[in-house]
Amino acid sequence: IGGITPPATAQSSEQLSVSSENRASLIKVYGRVAQVNENQFILNSNIGQLTISKQQPINLALDEPVAVTGMMGEQPNTLNAYSITRANG
């Protein structure tokens, strides 16, 4: 599969559990876009399915591989995106 692959030093999903402990830290997740809405999208990520909230619209395609850096949101399994990186950079 082409595209984004996590670095060899990436933390395992056990270390990146979606919990309140991660809400104050930036985390990076990798995955494929499962659904797109105006200000959010669903990502099938390396730590499970997440709803990604984004500040500005971005044109993502279904099944597109992306890396997202952000902070866990107040709602379960939500990530407030700080940056979204496509497979081509």
PDB file of N, CA and C in Angstrom:
ATOM      1  N   ILE A   1       0.859  -1.177   0.000  1.00  0.00           N
ATOM      2  CA  ILE A   1       0.000   0.000   0.000  1.00  0.00           C
ATOM      3  C   ILE A   1       0.900   1.233   0.000  1.00  0.00           C
ATOM      4  N   GLY A   2       0.721   2.114  -0.937  1.00  0.00           N
ATOM      5  CA  GLY A   2       1.501   3.342  -0.977  1.00  0.00           C
ATOM      6  C   GLY A   2       0.964   4.339   0.028  1.00  0.00           C
ATOM      7  N   GLY A   3       1.718   5.385   0.211  1.00  0.00           N
ATOM      8  CA  GLY A   3       1.217   6.457   1.066  1.00  0.00           C
ATOM      9  C   GLY A   3       1.913   6.519   2.400  1.00  0.00           C
ATOM     10  N   ILE A   4       1.193   6.991   3.370  1.00  0.00           N
ATOM     11  CA  ILE A   4       1.769   7.268   4.679  1.00  0.00           C
ATOM     12  C   ILE A   4       1.889   6.000   5.497  1.00  0.00           C
ATOM     13  N   THR A   5       3.074   5.798   6.025  1.00  0.00           N
ATOM     14  CA  THR A   5       3.281   4.711   6.970  1.00  0.00           C
ATOM     15  C   THR A   5       3.883   5.300   8.235  1.00  0.00           C
ATOM     16  N   PRO A   6       3.436   4.823   9.365  1.00  0.00           N
ATOM     17  CA  PRO A   6       3.987   5.374  10.602  1.00  0.00           C
ATOM     18  C   PRO A   6       5.458   5.043  10.736  1.00  0.00           C
ATOM     19  N   PRO A   7       6.222   5.929  11.341  1.00  0.00           N
ATOM     20  CA  PRO A   7       7.636   5.621  11.550  1.00  0.00           C
ATOM     21  C   PRO A   7       7.813   4.430  12.476  1.00  0.00           C
ATOM     22  N   ALA A   8       8.962   3.797  12.389  1.00  0.00           N
ATOM     23  CA  ALA A   8       9.222   2.608  13.198  1.00  0.00           C
ATOM     24  C   ALA A   8       9.158   2.915  14.683  1.00  0.00           C
ATOM     25  N   THR A   9       9.348   4.155  15.044  1.00  0.00           N
ATOM     26  CA  THR A   9       9.333   4.526  16.462  1.00  0.00           C
ATOM     27  C   THR A   9       7.942   4.927  16.950  1.00  0.00           C
ATOM     28  N   ALA A  10       6.923   4.773  16.120  1.00  0.00           N
ATOM     29  CA  ALA A  10       5.565   5.165  16.523  1.00  0.00           C
ATOM     30  C   ALA A  10       5.109   4.342  17.721  1.00  0.00           C
ATOM     31  N   GLN A  11       4.324   4.966  18.571  1.00  0.00           N
ATOM     32  CA  GLN A  11       3.823   4.271  19.754  1.00  0.00           C
ATOM     33  C   GLN A  11       2.761   3.270  19.346  1.00  0.00           C
ATOM     34  N   SER A  12       2.626   2.212  20.120  1.00  0.00           N
ATOM     35  CA  SER A  12       1.603   1.219  19.836  1.00  0.00           C
ATOM     36  C   SER A  12       0.241   1.768  20.235  1.00  0.00           C
ATOM     37  N   SER A  13      -0.811   1.121  19.749  1.00  0.00           N
ATOM     38  CA  SER A  13      -2.156   1.581  20.080  1.00  0.00           C
ATOM     39  C   SER A  13      -2.434   1.457  21.577  1.00  0.00           C
ATOM     40  N   GLU A  14      -1.740   0.551  22.261  1.00  0.00           N
ATOM     41  CA  GLU A  14      -1.932   0.440  23.709  1.00  0.00           C
ATOM     42  C   GLU A  14      -1.425   1.691  24.410  1.00  0.00           C
ATOM     43  N   GLN A  15      -0.327   2.252  23.932  1.00  0.00           N
ATOM     44  CA  GLN A  15       0.224   3.451  24.549  1.00  0.00           C
ATOM     45  C   GLN A  15      -0.577   4.691  24.180  1.00  0.00           C
ATOM     46  N   LEU A  16      -1.293   4.665  23.060  1.00  0.00           N
ATOM     47  CA  LEU A  16      -2.063   5.819  22.602  1.00  0.00           C
ATOM     48  C   LEU A  16      -3.556   5.584  22.786  1.00  0.00           C
ATOM     49  N   SER A  17      -3.942   5.043  23.916  1.00  0.00           N
ATOM     50  CA  SER A  17      -5.356   4.812  24.139  1.00  0.00           C
ATOM     51  C   SER A  17      -6.088   6.150  24.149  1.00  0.00           C
ATOM     52  N   VAL A  18      -7.313   6.130  23.671  1.00  0.00           N
ATOM     53  CA  VAL A  18      -8.107   7.344  23.595  1.00  0.00           C
ATOM     54  C   VAL A  18      -8.713   7.583  24.972  1.00  0.00           C
ATOM     55  N   SER A  19      -7.998   8.360  25.768  1.00  0.00           N
ATOM     56  CA  SER A  19      -8.439   8.592  27.141  1.00  0.00           C
ATOM     57  C   SER A  19      -8.186  10.033  27.537  1.00  0.00           C
ATOM     58  N   SER A  20      -8.660  10.393  28.706  1.00  0.00           N
ATOM     59  CA  SER A  20      -8.516  11.764  29.180  1.00  0.00           C
ATOM     60  C   SER A  20      -7.057  12.141  29.384  1.00  0.00           C
ATOM     61  N   GLU A  21      -6.168  11.178  29.605  1.00  0.00           N
ATOM     62  CA  GLU A  21      -4.760  11.487  29.806  1.00  0.00           C
ATOM     63  C   GLU A  21      -4.132  12.110  28.570  1.00  0.00           C
ATOM     64  N   ASN A  22      -4.666  11.826  27.379  1.00  0.00           N
ATOM     65  CA  ASN A  22      -4.097  12.340  26.141  1.00  0.00           C
ATOM     66  C   ASN A  22      -4.699  13.677  25.719  1.00  0.00           C
ATOM     67  N   ARG A  23      -5.661  14.193  26.423  1.00  0.00           N
ATOM     68  CA  ARG A  23      -6.351  15.397  25.977  1.00  0.00           C
ATOM     69  C   ARG A  23      -5.464  16.628  25.970  1.00  0.00           C
ATOM     70  N   ALA A  24      -4.457  16.691  26.813  1.00  0.00           N
ATOM     71  CA  ALA A  24      -3.603  17.868  26.893  1.00  0.00           C
ATOM     72  C   ALA A  24      -2.339  17.729  26.048  1.00  0.00           C
ATOM     73  N   SER A  25      -2.150  16.622  25.350  1.00  0.00           N
ATOM     74  CA  SER A  25      -0.943  16.383  24.574  1.00  0.00           C
ATOM     75  C   SER A  25      -1.271  16.278  23.099  1.00  0.00           C
ATOM     76  N   LEU A  26      -0.339  16.721  22.275  1.00  0.00           N
ATOM     77  CA  LEU A  26      -0.472  16.502  20.839  1.00  0.00           C
ATOM     78  C   LEU A  26      -0.171  15.042  20.550  1.00  0.00           C
ATOM     79  N   ILE A  27      -0.994  14.431  19.744  1.00  0.00           N
ATOM     80  CA  ILE A  27      -0.730  13.065  19.294  1.00  0.00           C
ATOM     81  C   ILE A  27      -0.811  13.039  17.780  1.00  0.00           C
ATOM     82  N   LYS A  28      -0.201  12.038  17.186  1.00  0.00           N
ATOM     83  CA  LYS A  28      -0.243  11.869  15.742  1.00  0.00           C
ATOM     84  C   LYS A  28      -0.832  10.502  15.437  1.00  0.00           C
ATOM     85  N   VAL A  29      -1.837  10.497  14.566  1.00  0.00           N
ATOM     86  CA  VAL A  29      -2.468   9.241  14.164  1.00  0.00           C
ATOM     87  C   VAL A  29      -2.382   9.119  12.650  1.00  0.00           C
ATOM     88  N   TYR A  30      -2.416   7.902  12.175  1.00  0.00           N
ATOM     89  CA  TYR A  30      -2.345   7.592  10.758  1.00  0.00           C
ATOM     90  C   TYR A  30      -3.571   6.775  10.402  1.00  0.00           C
ATOM     91  N   GLY A  31      -4.105   6.999   9.206  1.00  0.00           N
ATOM     92  CA  GLY A  31      -5.243   6.192   8.796  1.00  0.00           C
ATOM     93  C   GLY A  31      -5.778   6.598   7.449  1.00  0.00           C
ATOM     94  N   ARG A  32      -6.989   6.102   7.186  1.00  0.00           N
ATOM     95  CA  ARG A  32      -7.670   6.379   5.916  1.00  0.00           C
ATOM     96  C   ARG A  32      -9.016   7.020   6.198  1.00  0.00           C
ATOM     97  N   VAL A  33      -9.366   7.970   5.353  1.00  0.00           N
ATOM     98  CA  VAL A  33     -10.616   8.713   5.484  1.00  0.00           C
ATOM     99  C   VAL A  33     -11.786   7.777   5.192  1.00  0.00           C
ATOM    100  N   ALA A  34     -12.741   7.705   6.122  1.00  0.00           N
ATOM    101  CA  ALA A  34     -13.902   6.829   5.963  1.00  0.00           C
ATOM    102  C   ALA A  34     -15.161   7.611   5.580  1.00  0.00           C
ATOM    103  N   GLN A  35     -15.246   8.868   6.001  1.00  0.00           N
ATOM    104  CA  GLN A  35     -16.424   9.690   5.727  1.00  0.00           C
ATOM    105  C   GLN A  35     -16.005  11.148   5.863  1.00  0.00           C
ATOM    106  N   VAL A  36     -16.575  12.031   5.018  1.00  0.00           N
ATOM    107  CA  VAL A  36     -16.211  13.439   5.056  1.00  0.00           C
ATOM    108  C   VAL A  36     -17.458  14.298   5.208  1.00  0.00           C
ATOM    109  N   ASN A  37     -17.413  15.236   6.167  1.00  0.00           N
ATOM    110  CA  ASN A  37     -18.437  16.251   6.344  1.00  0.00           C
ATOM    111  C   ASN A  37     -17.749  17.611   6.225  1.00  0.00           C
ATOM    112  N   GLU A  38     -18.494  18.693   6.324  1.00  0.00           N
ATOM    113  CA  GLU A  38     -17.921  20.017   6.113  1.00  0.00           C
ATOM    114  C   GLU A  38     -16.770  20.337   7.060  1.00  0.00           C
ATOM    115  N   ASN A  39     -16.975  20.176   8.358  1.00  0.00           N
ATOM    116  CA  ASN A  39     -15.942  20.556   9.330  1.00  0.00           C
ATOM    117  C   ASN A  39     -15.361  19.381  10.096  1.00  0.00           C
ATOM    118  N   GLN A  40     -15.627  18.188   9.651  1.00  0.00           N
ATOM    119  CA  GLN A  40     -15.058  17.015  10.307  1.00  0.00           C
ATOM    120  C   GLN A  40     -15.042  15.843   9.350  1.00  0.00           C
ATOM    121  N   PHE A  41     -14.266  14.830   9.711  1.00  0.00           N
ATOM    122  CA  PHE A  41     -14.270  13.597   8.939  1.00  0.00           C
ATOM    123  C   PHE A  41     -13.992  12.430   9.872  1.00  0.00           C
ATOM    124  N   ILE A  42     -14.357  11.249   9.415  1.00  0.00           N
ATOM    125  CA  ILE A  42     -14.131  10.023  10.164  1.00  0.00           C
ATOM    126  C   ILE A  42     -12.849   9.395   9.618  1.00  0.00           C
ATOM    127  N   LEU A  43     -11.959   9.018  10.535  1.00  0.00           N
ATOM    128  CA  LEU A  43     -10.687   8.416  10.161  1.00  0.00           C
ATOM    129  C   LEU A  43     -10.604   7.028  10.768  1.00  0.00           C
ATOM    130  N   ASN A  44     -10.376   6.026   9.930  1.00  0.00           N
ATOM    131  CA  ASN A  44     -10.057   4.689  10.421  1.00  0.00           C
ATOM    132  C   ASN A  44      -8.559   4.710  10.674  1.00  0.00           C
ATOM    133  N   SER A  45      -8.174   4.871  11.947  1.00  0.00           N
ATOM    134  CA  SER A  45      -6.781   5.146  12.290  1.00  0.00           C
ATOM    135  C   SER A  45      -6.096   3.956  12.946  1.00  0.00           C
ATOM    136  N   ASN A  46      -4.820   4.156  13.234  1.00  0.00           N
ATOM    137  CA  ASN A  46      -4.034   3.129  13.906  1.00  0.00           C
ATOM    138  C   ASN A  46      -4.452   2.937  15.366  1.00  0.00           C
ATOM    139  N   ILE A  47      -5.298   3.818  15.913  1.00  0.00           N
ATOM    140  CA  ILE A  47      -5.800   3.626  17.285  1.00  0.00           C
ATOM    141  C   ILE A  47      -7.319   3.454  17.306  1.00  0.00           C
ATOM    142  N   GLY A  48      -7.914   3.175  16.154  1.00  0.00           N
ATOM    143  CA  GLY A  48      -9.357   2.976  16.071  1.00  0.00           C
ATOM    144  C   GLY A  48     -10.017   4.083  15.268  1.00  0.00           C
ATOM    145  N   GLN A  49     -11.336   4.030  15.198  1.00  0.00           N
ATOM    146  CA  GLN A  49     -12.074   5.024  14.431  1.00  0.00           C
ATOM    147  C   GLN A  49     -12.216   6.310  15.235  1.00  0.00           C
ATOM    148  N   LEU A  50     -11.837   7.427  14.615  1.00  0.00           N
ATOM    149  CA  LEU A  50     -11.886   8.733  15.274  1.00  0.00           C
ATOM    150  C   LEU A  50     -12.674   9.715  14.424  1.00  0.00           C
ATOM    151  N   THR A  51     -13.345  10.650  15.094  1.00  0.00           N
ATOM    152  CA  THR A  51     -13.940  11.788  14.416  1.00  0.00           C
ATOM    153  C   THR A  51     -12.930  12.921  14.509  1.00  0.00           C
ATOM    154  N   ILE A  52     -12.502  13.426  13.363  1.00  0.00           N
ATOM    155  CA  ILE A  52     -11.503  14.480  13.312  1.00  0.00           C
ATOM    156  C   ILE A  52     -12.217  15.800  13.042  1.00  0.00           C
ATOM    157  N   SER A  53     -12.061  16.752  13.960  1.00  0.00           N
ATOM    158  CA  SER A  53     -12.614  18.092  13.775  1.00  0.00           C
ATOM    159  C   SER A  53     -11.523  18.961  13.180  1.00  0.00           C
ATOM    160  N   LYS A  54     -11.886  19.716  12.142  1.00  0.00           N
ATOM    161  CA  LYS A  54     -10.906  20.580  11.495  1.00  0.00           C
ATOM    162  C   LYS A  54     -11.421  22.006  11.471  1.00  0.00           C
ATOM    163  N   GLN A  55     -10.520  22.951  11.555  1.00  0.00           N
ATOM    164  CA  GLN A  55     -10.887  24.364  11.604  1.00  0.00           C
ATOM    165  C   GLN A  55     -11.286  24.902  10.237  1.00  0.00           C
ATOM    166  N   GLN A  56     -10.611  24.455   9.199  1.00  0.00           N
ATOM    167  CA  GLN A  56     -10.876  24.956   7.857  1.00  0.00           C
ATOM    168  C   GLN A  56     -11.226  23.791   6.950  1.00  0.00           C
ATOM    169  N   PRO A  57     -12.055  24.061   5.937  1.00  0.00           N
ATOM    170  CA  PRO A  57     -12.411  22.986   5.000  1.00  0.00           C
ATOM    171  C   PRO A  57     -11.173  22.453   4.273  1.00  0.00           C
ATOM    172  N   ILE A  58     -11.159  21.170   4.045  1.00  0.00           N
ATOM    173  CA  ILE A  58     -10.103  20.528   3.257  1.00  0.00           C
ATOM    174  C   ILE A  58     -10.782  19.474   2.396  1.00  0.00           C
ATOM    175  N   ASN A  59     -10.375  19.383   1.174  1.00  0.00           N
ATOM    176  CA  ASN A  59     -10.985  18.461   0.229  1.00  0.00           C
ATOM    177  C   ASN A  59     -10.290  17.104   0.329  1.00  0.00           C
ATOM    178  N   LEU A  60     -10.891  16.191   1.095  1.00  0.00           N
ATOM    179  CA  LEU A  60     -10.340  14.847   1.257  1.00  0.00           C
ATOM    180  C   LEU A  60     -11.190  13.850   0.493  1.00  0.00           C
ATOM    181  N   ALA A  61     -10.557  12.824  -0.019  1.00  0.00           N
ATOM    182  CA  ALA A  61     -11.258  11.760  -0.733  1.00  0.00           C
ATOM    183  C   ALA A  61     -11.456  10.564   0.192  1.00  0.00           C
ATOM    184  N   LEU A  62     -12.523   9.826  -0.037  1.00  0.00           N
ATOM    185  CA  LEU A  62     -12.747   8.599   0.724  1.00  0.00           C
ATOM    186  C   LEU A  62     -11.586   7.650   0.487  1.00  0.00           C
ATOM    187  N   ASP A  63     -11.151   6.989   1.528  1.00  0.00           N
ATOM    188  CA  ASP A  63     -10.060   6.018   1.542  1.00  0.00           C
ATOM    189  C   ASP A  63      -8.685   6.662   1.334  1.00  0.00           C
ATOM    190  N   GLU A  64      -8.608   7.998   1.367  1.00  0.00           N
ATOM    191  CA  GLU A  64      -7.324   8.683   1.232  1.00  0.00           C
ATOM    192  C   GLU A  64      -6.499   8.501   2.507  1.00  0.00           C
ATOM    193  N   PRO A  65      -5.223   8.115   2.379  1.00  0.00           N
ATOM    194  CA  PRO A  65      -4.376   7.985   3.568  1.00  0.00           C
ATOM    195  C   PRO A  65      -3.897   9.363   4.033  1.00  0.00           C
ATOM    196  N   VAL A  66      -4.005   9.606   5.335  1.00  0.00           N
ATOM    197  CA  VAL A  66      -3.561  10.870   5.919  1.00  0.00           C
ATOM    198  C   VAL A  66      -2.933  10.625   7.278  1.00  0.00           C
ATOM    199  N   ALA A  67      -2.140  11.593   7.712  1.00  0.00           N
ATOM    200  CA  ALA A  67      -1.620  11.634   9.081  1.00  0.00           C
ATOM    201  C   ALA A  67      -2.218  12.882   9.709  1.00  0.00           C
ATOM    202  N   VAL A  68      -2.709  12.758  10.932  1.00  0.00           N
ATOM    203  CA  VAL A  68      -3.336  13.882  11.620  1.00  0.00           C
ATOM    204  C   VAL A  68      -2.638  14.090  12.958  1.00  0.00           C
ATOM    205  N   THR A  69      -2.245  15.329  13.213  1.00  0.00           N
ATOM    206  CA  THR A  69      -1.688  15.710  14.509  1.00  0.00           C
ATOM    207  C   THR A  69      -2.711  16.611  15.182  1.00  0.00           C
ATOM    208  N   GLY A  70      -3.006  16.329  16.447  1.00  0.00           N
ATOM    209  CA  GLY A  70      -3.980  17.141  17.162  1.00  0.00           C
ATOM    210  C   GLY A  70      -4.093  16.733  18.610  1.00  0.00           C
ATOM    211  N   MET A  71      -5.118  17.275  19.251  1.00  0.00           N
ATOM    212  CA  MET A  71      -5.376  16.967  20.656  1.00  0.00           C
ATOM    213  C   MET A  71      -6.743  16.309  20.770  1.00  0.00           C
ATOM    214  N   MET A  72      -6.849  15.377  21.699  1.00  0.00           N
ATOM    215  CA  MET A  72      -8.112  14.695  21.917  1.00  0.00           C
ATOM    216  C   MET A  72      -9.164  15.717  22.334  1.00  0.00           C
ATOM    217  N   GLY A  73     -10.376  15.559  21.812  1.00  0.00           N
ATOM    218  CA  GLY A  73     -11.466  16.464  22.120  1.00  0.00           C
ATOM    219  C   GLY A  73     -12.198  16.060  23.382  1.00  0.00           C
ATOM    220  N   GLU A  74     -13.202  16.837  23.711  1.00  0.00           N
ATOM    221  CA  GLU A  74     -14.009  16.558  24.901  1.00  0.00           C
ATOM    222  C   GLU A  74     -14.900  15.338  24.706  1.00  0.00           C
ATOM    223  N   GLN A  75     -15.381  15.126  23.489  1.00  0.00           N
ATOM    224  CA  GLN A  75     -16.225  13.970  23.197  1.00  0.00           C
ATOM    225  C   GLN A  75     -15.353  12.740  23.008  1.00  0.00           C
ATOM    226  N   PRO A  76     -15.846  11.562  23.360  1.00  0.00           N
ATOM    227  CA  PRO A  76     -15.063  10.333  23.172  1.00  0.00           C
ATOM    228  C   PRO A  76     -14.690  10.135  21.697  1.00  0.00           C
ATOM    229  N   ASN A  77     -13.479   9.669  21.463  1.00  0.00           N
ATOM    230  CA  ASN A  77     -12.987   9.332  20.128  1.00  0.00           C
ATOM    231  C   ASN A  77     -13.026  10.497  19.153  1.00  0.00           C
ATOM    232  N   THR A  78     -12.792  11.713  19.645  1.00  0.00           N
ATOM    233  CA  THR A  78     -12.681  12.877  18.767  1.00  0.00           C
ATOM    234  C   THR A  78     -11.283  13.474  18.895  1.00  0.00           C
ATOM    235  N   LEU A  79     -10.798  13.984  17.797  1.00  0.00           N
ATOM    236  CA  LEU A  79      -9.484  14.605  17.764  1.00  0.00           C
ATOM    237  C   LEU A  79      -9.629  15.965  17.096  1.00  0.00           C
ATOM    238  N   ASN A  80      -9.166  17.009  17.763  1.00  0.00           N
ATOM    239  CA  ASN A  80      -9.157  18.351  17.187  1.00  0.00           C
ATOM    240  C   ASN A  80      -7.854  18.500  16.416  1.00  0.00           C
ATOM    241  N   ALA A  81      -7.963  18.576  15.088  1.00  0.00           N
ATOM    242  CA  ALA A  81      -6.781  18.560  14.226  1.00  0.00           C
ATOM    243  C   ALA A  81      -6.007  19.861  14.290  1.00  0.00           C
ATOM    244  N   TYR A  82      -4.696  19.738  14.442  1.00  0.00           N
ATOM    245  CA  TYR A  82      -3.777  20.847  14.344  1.00  0.00           C
ATOM    246  C   TYR A  82      -3.178  20.858  12.933  1.00  0.00           C
ATOM    247  N   SER A  83      -2.867  19.671  12.420  1.00  0.00           N
ATOM    248  CA  SER A  83      -2.392  19.550  11.034  1.00  0.00           C
ATOM    249  C   SER A  83      -2.873  18.233  10.439  1.00  0.00           C
ATOM    250  N   ILE A  84      -3.089  18.268   9.131  1.00  0.00           N
ATOM    251  CA  ILE A  84      -3.497  17.093   8.369  1.00  0.00           C
ATOM    252  C   ILE A  84      -2.508  16.982   7.205  1.00  0.00           C
ATOM    253  N   THR A  85      -1.829  15.846   7.109  1.00  0.00           N
ATOM    254  CA  THR A  85      -0.829  15.663   6.072  1.00  0.00           C
ATOM    255  C   THR A  85      -1.264  14.545   5.135  1.00  0.00           C
ATOM    256  N   ARG A  86      -1.295  14.855   3.846  1.00  0.00           N
ATOM    257  CA  ARG A  86      -1.641  13.851   2.836  1.00  0.00           C
ATOM    258  C   ARG A  86      -0.427  12.964   2.544  1.00  0.00           C
ATOM    259  N   ALA A  87      -0.665  11.864   1.872  1.00  0.00           N
ATOM    260  CA  ALA A  87       0.403  10.917   1.541  1.00  0.00           C
ATOM    261  C   ALA A  87       1.478  11.574   0.670  1.00  0.00           C
ATOM    262  N   ASN A  88       1.087  12.537  -0.160  1.00  0.00           N
ATOM    263  CA  ASN A  88       2.061  13.202  -1.040  1.00  0.00           C
ATOM    264  C   ASN A  88       2.673  14.433  -0.377  1.00  0.00           C
ATOM    265  N   GLY A  89       2.412  14.623   0.905  1.00  0.00           N
ATOM    266  CA  GLY A  89       3.017  15.719   1.659  1.00  0.00           C
ATOM    267  C   GLY A  89       2.176  16.931   1.642  1.00  0.00           C
TER     268      GLY A  89
END
